């Protein structure tokens, strides 16, 4: 920590142009500033400043060090601003992008209830979409997604839960088209919202990794597939957290419940540029409701 302090004092000396002005701005004595610089030169074993003229002149080593201390000072300033923002009272609009099928989930209803109760100055905007485009385009602050997502220079990923993939259909459809073994899935009518999910699940069940002929395409619109399934139009893949409300209302029934299907990680993806008190508040609520 003492080394970082000396680097910041050195940076301030260069910006102010003199030790006396630096001492005044930092509330120190000029001799104390001078001592810090001498200690810094001793630390590196290099001469950083020429003091034999009226103006301070940087040596080559001093010039290189100053470039680095400028970066350090900028990081310190940015850190201070972000920490101050996080202490501020959370308020404003938070745009939450989520898969279309998540809209009916218990966790989203609980999120809305807690935010309204605990953070009345935050207004949620729910943006239903099954890709990360909204976060990448800057139209969303937080994105909920299912599947493996890695941290990047632009985003930070927070793990919320792991949900198993399920197969479901309406009771009337299953009465006419009973599903008792995995091979029955090959002749079922599918409401397909994701080729990747369907093919990956078929492969896990040791079925041919080909799209079934009998299917209705609902690309990247899982909510449409779920609605059509409740109307008895076929089978769909659905995550267990999404299925709960449909099972509770007797709109969908799980089939082949003993089958081992893939598990999907549920994550909150936050843009680095979107760090703020309001986003942090909503993110913390998301972590809580998904653990309940």
C-alpha atoms as a PDB file:
ATOM      1  CA  UNK A   1       0.000   0.000   0.000  1.00  0.00           C
ATOM      2  CA  UNK A   2       2.873   2.374   0.818  1.00  0.00           C
ATOM      3  CA  UNK A   3       4.345   1.734  -2.625  1.00  0.00           C
ATOM      4  CA  UNK A   4       1.036   2.626  -4.295  1.00  0.00           C
ATOM      5  CA  UNK A   5       0.878   5.816  -2.225  1.00  0.00           C
ATOM      6  CA  UNK A   6       4.336   6.844  -3.416  1.00  0.00           C
ATOM      7  CA  UNK A   7       3.373   6.186  -7.034  1.00  0.00           C
ATOM      8  CA  UNK A   8       0.293   8.398  -6.718  1.00  0.00           C
ATOM      9  CA  UNK A   9       2.328  11.163  -5.056  1.00  0.00           C
ATOM     10  CA  UNK A  10       4.858  10.926  -7.886  1.00  0.00           C
ATOM     11  CA  UNK A  11       2.034  11.257 -10.417  1.00  0.00           C
ATOM     12  CA  UNK A  12       0.675  14.296  -8.604  1.00  0.00           C
ATOM     13  CA  UNK A  13       4.110  15.949  -8.552  1.00  0.00           C
ATOM     14  CA  UNK A  14       4.402  15.619 -12.322  1.00  0.00           C
ATOM     15  CA  UNK A  15       0.897  16.983 -12.870  1.00  0.00           C
ATOM     16  CA  UNK A  16       1.398  19.933 -10.507  1.00  0.00           C
ATOM     17  CA  UNK A  17       4.911  20.662 -11.729  1.00  0.00           C
ATOM     18  CA  UNK A  18       6.406  21.242  -8.288  1.00  0.00           C
ATOM     19  CA  UNK A  19       6.705  19.650  -4.878  1.00  0.00           C
ATOM     20  CA  UNK A  20       5.339  22.688  -3.057  1.00  0.00           C
ATOM     21  CA  UNK A  21       2.112  22.711  -5.098  1.00  0.00           C
ATOM     22  CA  UNK A  22       1.779  18.963  -4.608  1.00  0.00           C
ATOM     23  CA  UNK A  23       2.296  19.307  -0.876  1.00  0.00           C
ATOM     24  CA  UNK A  24      -0.397  21.988  -0.719  1.00  0.00           C
ATOM     25  CA  UNK A  25      -2.956  19.914  -2.666  1.00  0.00           C
ATOM     26  CA  UNK A  26      -2.282  16.763  -0.615  1.00  0.00           C
ATOM     27  CA  UNK A  27      -2.072  18.475   2.768  1.00  0.00           C
ATOM     28  CA  UNK A  28       1.552  17.449   3.276  1.00  0.00           C
ATOM     29  CA  UNK A  29       4.846  19.267   3.745  1.00  0.00           C
ATOM     30  CA  UNK A  30       7.180  19.728   0.800  1.00  0.00           C
ATOM     31  CA  UNK A  31       9.871  17.801   2.660  1.00  0.00           C
ATOM     32  CA  UNK A  32       7.494  14.848   3.124  1.00  0.00           C
ATOM     33  CA  UNK A  33       6.746  14.842  -0.609  1.00  0.00           C
ATOM     34  CA  UNK A  34      10.457  14.951  -1.369  1.00  0.00           C
ATOM     35  CA  UNK A  35      11.088  12.059   1.012  1.00  0.00           C
ATOM     36  CA  UNK A  36       8.419   9.930  -0.718  1.00  0.00           C
ATOM     37  CA  UNK A  37      10.091  10.557  -4.071  1.00  0.00           C
ATOM     38  CA  UNK A  38      13.503   9.655  -2.693  1.00  0.00           C
ATOM     39  CA  UNK A  39      12.057   6.437  -1.263  1.00  0.00           C
ATOM     40  CA  UNK A  40      10.480   5.663  -4.637  1.00  0.00           C
ATOM     41  CA  UNK A  41      13.816   6.103  -6.397  1.00  0.00           C
ATOM     42  CA  UNK A  42      15.397   3.895  -3.764  1.00  0.00           C
ATOM     43  CA  UNK A  43      12.714   1.224  -4.287  1.00  0.00           C
ATOM     44  CA  UNK A  44      13.450   0.999  -8.004  1.00  0.00           C
ATOM     45  CA  UNK A  45      17.151   1.817  -7.840  1.00  0.00           C
ATOM     46  CA  UNK A  46      16.633   4.393 -10.595  1.00  0.00           C
ATOM     47  CA  UNK A  47      16.789   8.168 -10.817  1.00  0.00           C
ATOM     48  CA  UNK A  48      13.333   9.437 -11.754  1.00  0.00           C
ATOM     49  CA  UNK A  49      13.717  13.230 -11.613  1.00  0.00           C
ATOM     50  CA  UNK A  50      16.417  15.783 -12.306  1.00  0.00           C
ATOM     51  CA  UNK A  51      16.163  18.476  -9.629  1.00  0.00           C
ATOM     52  CA  UNK A  52      19.066  20.689 -10.664  1.00  0.00           C
ATOM     53  CA  UNK A  53      16.910  23.189 -12.537  1.00  0.00           C
ATOM     54  CA  UNK A  54      13.991  25.369 -11.567  1.00  0.00           C
ATOM     55  CA  UNK A  55      11.649  22.890 -13.213  1.00  0.00           C
ATOM     56  CA  UNK A  56      11.430  19.210 -12.470  1.00  0.00           C
ATOM     57  CA  UNK A  57      12.604  17.154 -15.413  1.00  0.00           C
ATOM     58  CA  UNK A  58      11.753  13.498 -15.910  1.00  0.00           C
ATOM     59  CA  UNK A  59      14.488  11.028 -16.662  1.00  0.00           C
ATOM     60  CA  UNK A  60      13.743   8.236 -19.150  1.00  0.00           C
ATOM     61  CA  UNK A  61      12.875   5.937 -16.238  1.00  0.00           C
ATOM     62  CA  UNK A  62      10.726   8.691 -14.750  1.00  0.00           C
ATOM     63  CA  UNK A  63       8.843   9.151 -18.022  1.00  0.00           C
ATOM     64  CA  UNK A  64       8.042   5.442 -18.235  1.00  0.00           C
ATOM     65  CA  UNK A  65       6.967   5.349 -14.599  1.00  0.00           C
ATOM     66  CA  UNK A  66       4.765   8.419 -15.059  1.00  0.00           C
ATOM     67  CA  UNK A  67       2.905   6.710 -17.915  1.00  0.00           C
ATOM     68  CA  UNK A  68       2.130   3.818 -15.584  1.00  0.00           C
ATOM     69  CA  UNK A  69       1.142   6.026 -12.663  1.00  0.00           C
ATOM     70  CA  UNK A  70      -1.311   7.845 -14.938  1.00  0.00           C
ATOM     71  CA  UNK A  71      -3.033   4.507 -15.510  1.00  0.00           C
ATOM     72  CA  UNK A  72      -2.975   3.755 -11.782  1.00  0.00           C
ATOM     73  CA  UNK A  73      -4.507   7.135 -10.949  1.00  0.00           C
ATOM     74  CA  UNK A  74      -7.241   6.583 -13.554  1.00  0.00           C
ATOM     75  CA  UNK A  75      -8.054   3.151 -12.118  1.00  0.00           C
ATOM     76  CA  UNK A  76      -8.211   4.580  -8.594  1.00  0.00           C
ATOM     77  CA  UNK A  77     -10.538   7.347  -9.757  1.00  0.00           C
ATOM     78  CA  UNK A  78     -12.807   4.924 -11.614  1.00  0.00           C
ATOM     79  CA  UNK A  79     -12.896   2.598  -8.608  1.00  0.00           C
ATOM     80  CA  UNK A  80     -13.854   5.454  -6.310  1.00  0.00           C
ATOM     81  CA  UNK A  81     -16.646   6.534  -8.650  1.00  0.00           C
ATOM     82  CA  UNK A  82     -18.046   3.006  -8.914  1.00  0.00           C
ATOM     83  CA  UNK A  83     -17.944   2.433  -5.166  1.00  0.00           C
ATOM     84  CA  UNK A  84     -19.654   5.779  -4.568  1.00  0.00           C
ATOM     85  CA  UNK A  85     -22.346   4.857  -7.089  1.00  0.00           C
ATOM     86  CA  UNK A  86     -22.967   1.546  -5.326  1.00  0.00           C
ATOM     87  CA  UNK A  87     -23.546   3.348  -2.023  1.00  0.00           C
ATOM     88  CA  UNK A  88     -26.098   5.648  -3.580  1.00  0.00           C
ATOM     89  CA  UNK A  89     -29.811   4.954  -3.081  1.00  0.00           C
ATOM     90  CA  UNK A  90     -30.856   2.559  -5.857  1.00  0.00           C
ATOM     91  CA  UNK A  91     -33.225   4.301  -8.234  1.00  0.00           C
ATOM     92  CA  UNK A  92     -34.061   4.448 -11.908  1.00  0.00           C
ATOM     93  CA  UNK A  93     -34.860   1.951 -14.647  1.00  0.00           C
ATOM     94  CA  UNK A  94     -33.296  -1.514 -14.851  1.00  0.00           C
ATOM     95  CA  UNK A  95     -33.767  -3.314 -18.163  1.00  0.00           C
ATOM     96  CA  UNK A  96     -33.859  -7.071 -17.600  1.00  0.00           C
ATOM     97  CA  UNK A  97     -33.571  -9.292 -20.654  1.00  0.00           C
ATOM     98  CA  UNK A  98     -34.874 -12.825 -20.119  1.00  0.00           C
ATOM     99  CA  UNK A  99     -35.858 -15.854 -22.208  1.00  0.00           C
ATOM    100  CA  UNK A 100     -39.465 -15.685 -23.352  1.00  0.00           C
ATOM    101  CA  UNK A 101     -40.305 -18.817 -21.361  1.00  0.00           C
ATOM    102  CA  UNK A 102     -39.068 -17.299 -18.086  1.00  0.00           C
ATOM    103  CA  UNK A 103     -41.871 -14.746 -17.922  1.00  0.00           C
ATOM    104  CA  UNK A 104     -44.198 -17.176 -16.112  1.00  0.00           C
ATOM    105  CA  UNK A 105     -41.538 -18.463 -13.672  1.00  0.00           C
ATOM    106  CA  UNK A 106     -42.034 -18.140  -9.926  1.00  0.00           C
ATOM    107  CA  UNK A 107     -38.618 -16.501  -9.627  1.00  0.00           C
ATOM    108  CA  UNK A 108     -39.593 -13.622 -11.902  1.00  0.00           C
ATOM    109  CA  UNK A 109     -42.823 -12.994 -10.017  1.00  0.00           C
ATOM    110  CA  UNK A 110     -40.869 -13.020  -6.759  1.00  0.00           C
ATOM    111  CA  UNK A 111     -38.265 -10.655  -8.234  1.00  0.00           C
ATOM    112  CA  UNK A 112     -40.983  -8.175  -9.152  1.00  0.00           C
ATOM    113  CA  UNK A 113     -42.563  -8.423  -5.696  1.00  0.00           C
ATOM    114  CA  UNK A 114     -39.287  -7.905  -3.798  1.00  0.00           C
ATOM    115  CA  UNK A 115     -38.102  -5.025  -5.996  1.00  0.00           C
ATOM    116  CA  UNK A 116     -41.436  -3.239  -5.587  1.00  0.00           C
ATOM    117  CA  UNK A 117     -41.345  -3.756  -1.816  1.00  0.00           C
ATOM    118  CA  UNK A 118     -37.670  -3.111  -1.050  1.00  0.00           C
ATOM    119  CA  UNK A 119     -36.671  -0.756  -3.870  1.00  0.00           C
ATOM    120  CA  UNK A 120     -39.702   1.363  -4.740  1.00  0.00           C
ATOM    121  CA  UNK A 121     -37.564   3.811  -6.729  1.00  0.00           C
ATOM    122  CA  UNK A 122     -36.458   1.112  -9.188  1.00  0.00           C
ATOM    123  CA  UNK A 123     -38.616   0.435 -12.224  1.00  0.00           C
ATOM    124  CA  UNK A 124     -38.146  -2.915 -13.950  1.00  0.00           C
ATOM    125  CA  UNK A 125     -38.430  -3.209 -17.716  1.00  0.00           C
ATOM    126  CA  UNK A 126     -38.749  -6.845 -18.820  1.00  0.00           C
ATOM    127  CA  UNK A 127     -37.392  -7.575 -22.292  1.00  0.00           C
ATOM    128  CA  UNK A 128     -38.297 -11.088 -23.447  1.00  0.00           C
ATOM    129  CA  UNK A 129     -35.732 -12.492 -25.880  1.00  0.00           C
ATOM    130  CA  UNK A 130     -33.941 -15.819 -26.201  1.00  0.00           C
ATOM    131  CA  UNK A 131     -30.491 -14.492 -27.206  1.00  0.00           C
ATOM    132  CA  UNK A 132     -27.861 -12.137 -25.732  1.00  0.00           C
ATOM    133  CA  UNK A 133     -28.373  -9.548 -28.456  1.00  0.00           C
ATOM    134  CA  UNK A 134     -30.033  -7.005 -26.165  1.00  0.00           C
ATOM    135  CA  UNK A 135     -27.104  -7.038 -23.731  1.00  0.00           C
ATOM    136  CA  UNK A 136     -24.577  -6.828 -26.550  1.00  0.00           C
ATOM    137  CA  UNK A 137     -26.455  -3.952 -28.162  1.00  0.00           C
ATOM    138  CA  UNK A 138     -26.672  -2.046 -24.888  1.00  0.00           C
ATOM    139  CA  UNK A 139     -30.475  -2.174 -24.704  1.00  0.00           C
ATOM    140  CA  UNK A 140     -30.426  -4.321 -21.525  1.00  0.00           C
ATOM    141  CA  UNK A 141     -28.606  -3.915 -18.205  1.00  0.00           C
ATOM    142  CA  UNK A 142     -28.914  -7.523 -17.009  1.00  0.00           C
ATOM    143  CA  UNK A 143     -29.659 -10.656 -19.025  1.00  0.00           C
ATOM    144  CA  UNK A 144     -30.947 -13.960 -17.639  1.00  0.00           C
ATOM    145  CA  UNK A 145     -29.846 -16.897 -19.747  1.00  0.00           C
ATOM    146  CA  UNK A 146     -29.769 -20.706 -19.669  1.00  0.00           C
ATOM    147  CA  UNK A 147     -26.623 -22.530 -20.773  1.00  0.00           C
ATOM    148  CA  UNK A 148     -22.880 -22.171 -20.489  1.00  0.00           C
ATOM    149  CA  UNK A 149     -21.777 -18.539 -20.698  1.00  0.00           C
ATOM    150  CA  UNK A 150     -18.262 -17.366 -19.880  1.00  0.00           C
ATOM    151  CA  UNK A 151     -17.012 -14.068 -18.485  1.00  0.00           C
ATOM    152  CA  UNK A 152     -15.587 -11.710 -21.073  1.00  0.00           C
ATOM    153  CA  UNK A 153     -14.012  -8.266 -21.241  1.00  0.00           C
ATOM    154  CA  UNK A 154     -17.505  -6.815 -21.653  1.00  0.00           C
ATOM    155  CA  UNK A 155     -19.630  -9.002 -19.363  1.00  0.00           C
ATOM    156  CA  UNK A 156     -19.589 -10.589 -15.913  1.00  0.00           C
ATOM    157  CA  UNK A 157     -21.537 -13.841 -15.422  1.00  0.00           C
ATOM    158  CA  UNK A 158     -23.199 -14.754 -12.091  1.00  0.00           C
ATOM    159  CA  UNK A 159     -24.425 -18.322 -11.558  1.00  0.00           C
ATOM    160  CA  UNK A 160     -27.959 -18.447 -10.144  1.00  0.00           C
ATOM    161  CA  UNK A 161     -29.155 -22.060 -10.402  1.00  0.00           C
ATOM    162  CA  UNK A 162     -29.033 -25.322 -12.345  1.00  0.00           C
ATOM    163  CA  UNK A 163     -32.285 -26.497 -13.939  1.00  0.00           C
ATOM    164  CA  UNK A 164     -32.868 -29.873 -15.551  1.00  0.00           C
ATOM    165  CA  UNK A 165     -34.328 -30.091 -19.024  1.00  0.00           C
ATOM    166  CA  UNK A 166     -37.754 -31.780 -19.198  1.00  0.00           C
ATOM    167  CA  UNK A 167     -40.107 -33.059 -21.898  1.00  0.00           C
ATOM    168  CA  UNK A 168     -43.728 -32.000 -21.505  1.00  0.00           C
ATOM    169  CA  UNK A 169     -47.070 -32.087 -23.260  1.00  0.00           C
ATOM    170  CA  UNK A 170     -50.739 -31.483 -22.513  1.00  0.00           C
ATOM    171  CA  UNK A 171     -52.699 -34.351 -20.986  1.00  0.00           C
ATOM    172  CA  UNK A 172     -55.072 -34.519 -23.961  1.00  0.00           C
ATOM    173  CA  UNK A 173     -52.163 -34.831 -26.386  1.00  0.00           C
ATOM    174  CA  UNK A 174     -50.514 -37.531 -24.275  1.00  0.00           C
ATOM    175  CA  UNK A 175     -53.795 -39.444 -24.009  1.00  0.00           C
ATOM    176  CA  UNK A 176     -53.865 -39.747 -27.812  1.00  0.00           C
ATOM    177  CA  UNK A 177     -50.092 -40.054 -28.230  1.00  0.00           C
ATOM    178  CA  UNK A 178     -48.711 -41.925 -25.207  1.00  0.00           C
ATOM    179  CA  UNK A 179     -44.984 -41.582 -24.566  1.00  0.00           C
ATOM    180  CA  UNK A 180     -43.709 -44.607 -22.655  1.00  0.00           C
ATOM    181  CA  UNK A 181     -40.166 -44.955 -23.998  1.00  0.00           C
ATOM    182  CA  UNK A 182     -37.600 -42.671 -25.656  1.00  0.00           C
ATOM    183  CA  UNK A 183     -38.217 -44.079 -29.148  1.00  0.00           C
ATOM    184  CA  UNK A 184     -41.814 -42.782 -28.961  1.00  0.00           C
ATOM    185  CA  UNK A 185     -40.322 -39.289 -29.182  1.00  0.00           C
ATOM    186  CA  UNK A 186     -39.291 -39.917 -32.785  1.00  0.00           C
ATOM    187  CA  UNK A 187     -42.898 -40.082 -33.991  1.00  0.00           C
ATOM    188  CA  UNK A 188     -44.282 -37.307 -31.754  1.00  0.00           C
ATOM    189  CA  UNK A 189     -45.117 -33.842 -33.050  1.00  0.00           C
ATOM    190  CA  UNK A 190     -42.549 -31.398 -31.693  1.00  0.00           C
ATOM    191  CA  UNK A 191     -42.900 -27.724 -30.917  1.00  0.00           C
ATOM    192  CA  UNK A 192     -39.271 -26.834 -31.558  1.00  0.00           C
ATOM    193  CA  UNK A 193     -37.882 -23.580 -30.162  1.00  0.00           C
ATOM    194  CA  UNK A 194     -34.203 -24.598 -30.403  1.00  0.00           C
ATOM    195  CA  UNK A 195     -32.525 -27.054 -32.763  1.00  0.00           C
ATOM    196  CA  UNK A 196     -29.524 -27.196 -30.434  1.00  0.00           C
ATOM    197  CA  UNK A 197     -31.590 -28.135 -27.366  1.00  0.00           C
ATOM    198  CA  UNK A 198     -33.630 -30.741 -29.245  1.00  0.00           C
ATOM    199  CA  UNK A 199     -30.687 -32.429 -30.969  1.00  0.00           C
ATOM    200  CA  UNK A 200     -28.535 -32.396 -27.831  1.00  0.00           C
ATOM    201  CA  UNK A 201     -31.358 -33.999 -25.826  1.00  0.00           C
ATOM    202  CA  UNK A 202     -31.972 -36.644 -28.493  1.00  0.00           C
ATOM    203  CA  UNK A 203     -28.278 -37.509 -28.428  1.00  0.00           C
ATOM    204  CA  UNK A 204     -28.369 -37.815 -24.618  1.00  0.00           C
ATOM    205  CA  UNK A 205     -31.308 -40.240 -24.964  1.00  0.00           C
ATOM    206  CA  UNK A 206     -29.367 -42.315 -27.524  1.00  0.00           C
ATOM    207  CA  UNK A 207     -31.769 -41.287 -30.273  1.00  0.00           C
ATOM    208  CA  UNK A 208     -30.690 -40.319 -33.802  1.00  0.00           C
ATOM    209  CA  UNK A 209     -29.300 -36.792 -33.773  1.00  0.00           C
ATOM    210  CA  UNK A 210     -31.675 -35.566 -36.480  1.00  0.00           C
ATOM    211  CA  UNK A 211     -34.634 -33.218 -36.347  1.00  0.00           C
ATOM    212  CA  UNK A 212     -37.952 -35.100 -36.264  1.00  0.00           C
ATOM    213  CA  UNK A 213     -40.081 -34.759 -39.382  1.00  0.00           C
ATOM    214  CA  UNK A 214     -43.224 -33.919 -37.428  1.00  0.00           C
ATOM    215  CA  UNK A 215     -42.481 -30.548 -35.920  1.00  0.00           C
ATOM    216  CA  UNK A 216     -43.583 -26.928 -35.794  1.00  0.00           C
ATOM    217  CA  UNK A 217     -40.750 -24.412 -35.688  1.00  0.00           C
ATOM    218  CA  UNK A 218     -40.813 -21.640 -33.067  1.00  0.00           C
ATOM    219  CA  UNK A 219     -37.209 -20.404 -33.404  1.00  0.00           C
ATOM    220  CA  UNK A 220     -35.934 -18.571 -30.316  1.00  0.00           C
ATOM    221  CA  UNK A 221     -39.488 -18.188 -29.008  1.00  0.00           C
ATOM    222  CA  UNK A 222     -39.851 -20.762 -26.253  1.00  0.00           C
ATOM    223  CA  UNK A 223     -42.983 -19.073 -24.861  1.00  0.00           C
ATOM    224  CA  UNK A 224     -44.824 -19.781 -28.134  1.00  0.00           C
ATOM    225  CA  UNK A 225     -43.764 -23.434 -28.016  1.00  0.00           C
ATOM    226  CA  UNK A 226     -44.988 -23.706 -24.424  1.00  0.00           C
ATOM    227  CA  UNK A 227     -48.330 -22.105 -25.254  1.00  0.00           C
ATOM    228  CA  UNK A 228     -48.908 -24.437 -28.207  1.00  0.00           C
ATOM    229  CA  UNK A 229     -48.008 -27.386 -25.992  1.00  0.00           C
ATOM    230  CA  UNK A 230     -50.658 -26.368 -23.447  1.00  0.00           C
ATOM    231  CA  UNK A 231     -53.167 -26.341 -26.316  1.00  0.00           C
ATOM    232  CA  UNK A 232     -52.419 -29.985 -27.071  1.00  0.00           C
ATOM    233  CA  UNK A 233     -50.417 -29.374 -30.231  1.00  0.00           C
ATOM    234  CA  UNK A 234     -47.396 -31.518 -29.358  1.00  0.00           C
ATOM    235  CA  UNK A 235     -44.354 -31.979 -27.138  1.00  0.00           C
ATOM    236  CA  UNK A 236     -41.735 -29.431 -26.167  1.00  0.00           C
ATOM    237  CA  UNK A 237     -38.528 -29.268 -24.186  1.00  0.00           C
ATOM    238  CA  UNK A 238     -38.848 -27.039 -21.138  1.00  0.00           C
ATOM    239  CA  UNK A 239     -36.680 -26.307 -18.100  1.00  0.00           C
ATOM    240  CA  UNK A 240     -37.918 -27.552 -14.733  1.00  0.00           C
ATOM    241  CA  UNK A 241     -38.184 -24.026 -13.340  1.00  0.00           C
ATOM    242  CA  UNK A 242     -40.364 -23.021 -16.277  1.00  0.00           C
ATOM    243  CA  UNK A 243     -42.480 -26.184 -16.044  1.00  0.00           C
ATOM    244  CA  UNK A 244     -43.509 -25.708 -12.400  1.00  0.00           C
ATOM    245  CA  UNK A 245     -46.302 -23.224 -13.052  1.00  0.00           C
ATOM    246  CA  UNK A 246     -47.714 -25.334 -15.910  1.00  0.00           C
ATOM    247  CA  UNK A 247     -47.709 -28.476 -13.748  1.00  0.00           C
ATOM    248  CA  UNK A 248     -49.336 -26.593 -10.889  1.00  0.00           C
ATOM    249  CA  UNK A 249     -52.142 -25.424 -13.196  1.00  0.00           C
ATOM    250  CA  UNK A 250     -52.399 -28.885 -14.831  1.00  0.00           C
ATOM    251  CA  UNK A 251     -51.626 -27.370 -18.227  1.00  0.00           C
ATOM    252  CA  UNK A 252     -48.576 -29.539 -18.975  1.00  0.00           C
ATOM    253  CA  UNK A 253     -47.421 -32.950 -17.836  1.00  0.00           C
ATOM    254  CA  UNK A 254     -43.851 -34.207 -17.700  1.00  0.00           C
ATOM    255  CA  UNK A 255     -43.075 -37.368 -19.666  1.00  0.00           C
ATOM    256  CA  UNK A 256     -40.221 -39.843 -19.286  1.00  0.00           C
ATOM    257  CA  UNK A 257     -39.421 -38.269 -15.929  1.00  0.00           C
ATOM    258  CA  UNK A 258     -36.782 -40.931 -15.228  1.00  0.00           C
ATOM    259  CA  UNK A 259     -34.829 -40.084 -18.371  1.00  0.00           C
ATOM    260  CA  UNK A 260     -31.462 -38.414 -17.816  1.00  0.00           C
ATOM    261  CA  UNK A 261     -31.602 -35.140 -19.718  1.00  0.00           C
ATOM    262  CA  UNK A 262     -29.055 -32.277 -19.785  1.00  0.00           C
ATOM    263  CA  UNK A 263     -28.929 -29.707 -17.000  1.00  0.00           C
ATOM    264  CA  UNK A 264     -28.808 -26.037 -17.916  1.00  0.00           C
ATOM    265  CA  UNK A 265     -27.050 -23.404 -15.827  1.00  0.00           C
ATOM    266  CA  UNK A 266     -29.148 -20.310 -15.187  1.00  0.00           C
ATOM    267  CA  UNK A 267     -26.985 -17.186 -15.118  1.00  0.00           C
ATOM    268  CA  UNK A 268     -27.318 -13.445 -14.813  1.00  0.00           C
ATOM    269  CA  UNK A 269     -25.071 -11.668 -17.294  1.00  0.00           C
ATOM    270  CA  UNK A 270     -24.204  -8.063 -16.455  1.00  0.00           C
ATOM    271  CA  UNK A 271     -22.456  -5.650 -18.784  1.00  0.00           C
ATOM    272  CA  UNK A 272     -19.310  -4.194 -17.192  1.00  0.00           C
ATOM    273  CA  UNK A 273     -20.409  -0.774 -18.373  1.00  0.00           C
ATOM    274  CA  UNK A 274     -23.726  -1.178 -16.532  1.00  0.00           C
ATOM    275  CA  UNK A 275     -22.378  -1.379 -12.949  1.00  0.00           C
ATOM    276  CA  UNK A 276     -24.534   0.822 -10.722  1.00  0.00           C
ATOM    277  CA  UNK A 277     -26.441   0.783  -7.444  1.00  0.00           C
ATOM    278  CA  UNK A 278     -29.748  -0.027  -9.146  1.00  0.00           C
ATOM    279  CA  UNK A 279     -28.305  -2.911 -11.167  1.00  0.00           C
ATOM    280  CA  UNK A 280     -26.476  -4.282  -8.124  1.00  0.00           C
ATOM    281  CA  UNK A 281     -29.728  -4.183  -6.137  1.00  0.00           C
ATOM    282  CA  UNK A 282     -31.653  -6.128  -8.787  1.00  0.00           C
ATOM    283  CA  UNK A 283     -28.795  -8.608  -9.195  1.00  0.00           C
ATOM    284  CA  UNK A 284     -28.772  -9.305  -5.448  1.00  0.00           C
ATOM    285  CA  UNK A 285     -32.530  -9.919  -5.493  1.00  0.00           C
ATOM    286  CA  UNK A 286     -32.099 -12.332  -8.404  1.00  0.00           C
ATOM    287  CA  UNK A 287     -29.490 -14.280  -6.436  1.00  0.00           C
ATOM    288  CA  UNK A 288     -31.883 -14.534  -3.482  1.00  0.00           C
ATOM    289  CA  UNK A 289     -35.021 -15.584  -5.351  1.00  0.00           C
ATOM    290  CA  UNK A 290     -33.244 -18.262  -7.374  1.00  0.00           C
ATOM    291  CA  UNK A 291     -31.906 -19.820  -4.146  1.00  0.00           C
ATOM    292  CA  UNK A 292     -35.340 -20.063  -2.495  1.00  0.00           C
END
